[in-house]
Protein backbone atom coordinates (compact mmCIF):
# COMPACT_ATOMS: atom_id res chain seq x y z
CA MET A 1 -31.92 -8.62 45.84
CA PRO A 2 -29.25 -6.01 44.60
CA GLU A 3 -27.95 -4.35 47.19
CA PRO A 4 -28.09 0.21 46.63
CA SER A 5 -24.93 1.77 45.75
CA SER A 6 -24.15 4.12 47.51
CA PRO A 7 -24.02 7.15 45.83
CA THR A 8 -21.41 8.80 43.10
CA PRO A 9 -19.15 12.09 45.49
CA PRO A 10 -20.12 14.98 44.35
CA PRO A 11 -17.67 16.10 41.09
CA GLU A 12 -14.66 17.62 42.50
CA ARG A 13 -14.76 22.09 41.79
CA LEU A 14 -12.27 23.52 39.55
CA SER A 15 -8.39 23.96 41.85
CA LEU A 16 -7.37 27.00 42.80
CA ARG A 17 -4.13 26.03 41.32
CA TRP A 18 -5.81 25.93 37.85
CA ALA A 19 -7.77 28.42 38.59
CA LEU A 20 -5.59 31.03 38.86
CA ILE A 21 -3.85 29.38 35.70
CA LEU A 22 -6.92 30.24 34.14
CA LEU A 23 -7.17 33.49 35.04
CA ALA A 24 -3.60 33.91 34.30
CA ALA A 25 -4.40 32.82 30.17
CA VAL A 26 -7.90 35.17 29.85
CA VAL A 27 -5.14 38.34 31.30
CA ALA A 28 -2.66 37.27 29.18
CA GLY A 29 -5.04 36.94 25.86
CA LEU A 30 -7.10 40.36 26.44
CA LEU A 31 -3.11 42.39 27.67
CA ALA A 32 -2.07 41.42 23.55
CA GLY A 33 -5.10 41.27 22.25
CA LEU A 34 -5.80 44.27 23.25
CA LEU A 35 -2.11 45.79 23.33
CA THR A 36 -2.36 44.48 18.96
CA PHE A 37 -5.71 46.43 18.25
CA ALA A 38 -4.36 49.70 19.59
CA GLN A 39 -1.22 49.02 17.42
CA SER A 40 -2.80 47.94 14.27
CA ARG A 41 -6.66 48.45 14.02
CA ASN A 42 -6.84 44.87 12.93
CA TRP A 43 -9.20 43.06 14.53
CA SER A 44 -8.33 39.65 12.99
CA ALA A 45 -3.76 40.19 14.05
CA ALA A 46 -6.01 41.50 17.75
CA LEU A 47 -7.61 37.89 18.01
CA LEU A 48 -4.73 36.01 16.14
CA ALA A 49 -2.09 37.15 19.01
CA ALA A 50 -4.90 36.49 21.70
CA LEU A 51 -5.63 33.10 21.32
CA GLY A 52 -1.51 32.54 20.83
CA ALA A 53 -1.20 34.36 24.71
CA SER A 54 -3.79 32.25 25.82
CA GLY A 55 -2.63 29.11 24.94
CA ALA A 56 0.90 29.71 25.39
CA ALA A 57 -0.06 30.42 28.80
CA LEU A 58 -1.60 27.46 29.11
CA VAL A 59 0.96 25.14 28.23
CA SER A 60 3.41 27.12 29.98
CA LEU A 61 2.07 28.74 33.33
CA PRO A 62 1.17 24.46 34.73
CA LEU A 63 4.68 23.82 34.87
CA LEU A 64 5.67 26.54 36.45
CA LEU A 65 3.30 26.95 39.40
C-alpha cells in the first residue's frame, strides 16, 4: 500500500521587493500617461507612454533594488 504523500506547501506570497517594484512600475506608468495626455490630449499616445514607462520600470528596477 503506498504511503500518503505529504501535503504540498502553500504557494509563496509575493515578496516585499517585488511588490515595491510592481507598485513603482504602476506609478511610473500612471505619471507618464497622465502627463502625456495633459500635454497632447491624445489617448493613444498616453497609453503608449504609460505602457513604455511601466515596461521600462519593470525591466530596470529589479537590477537596481
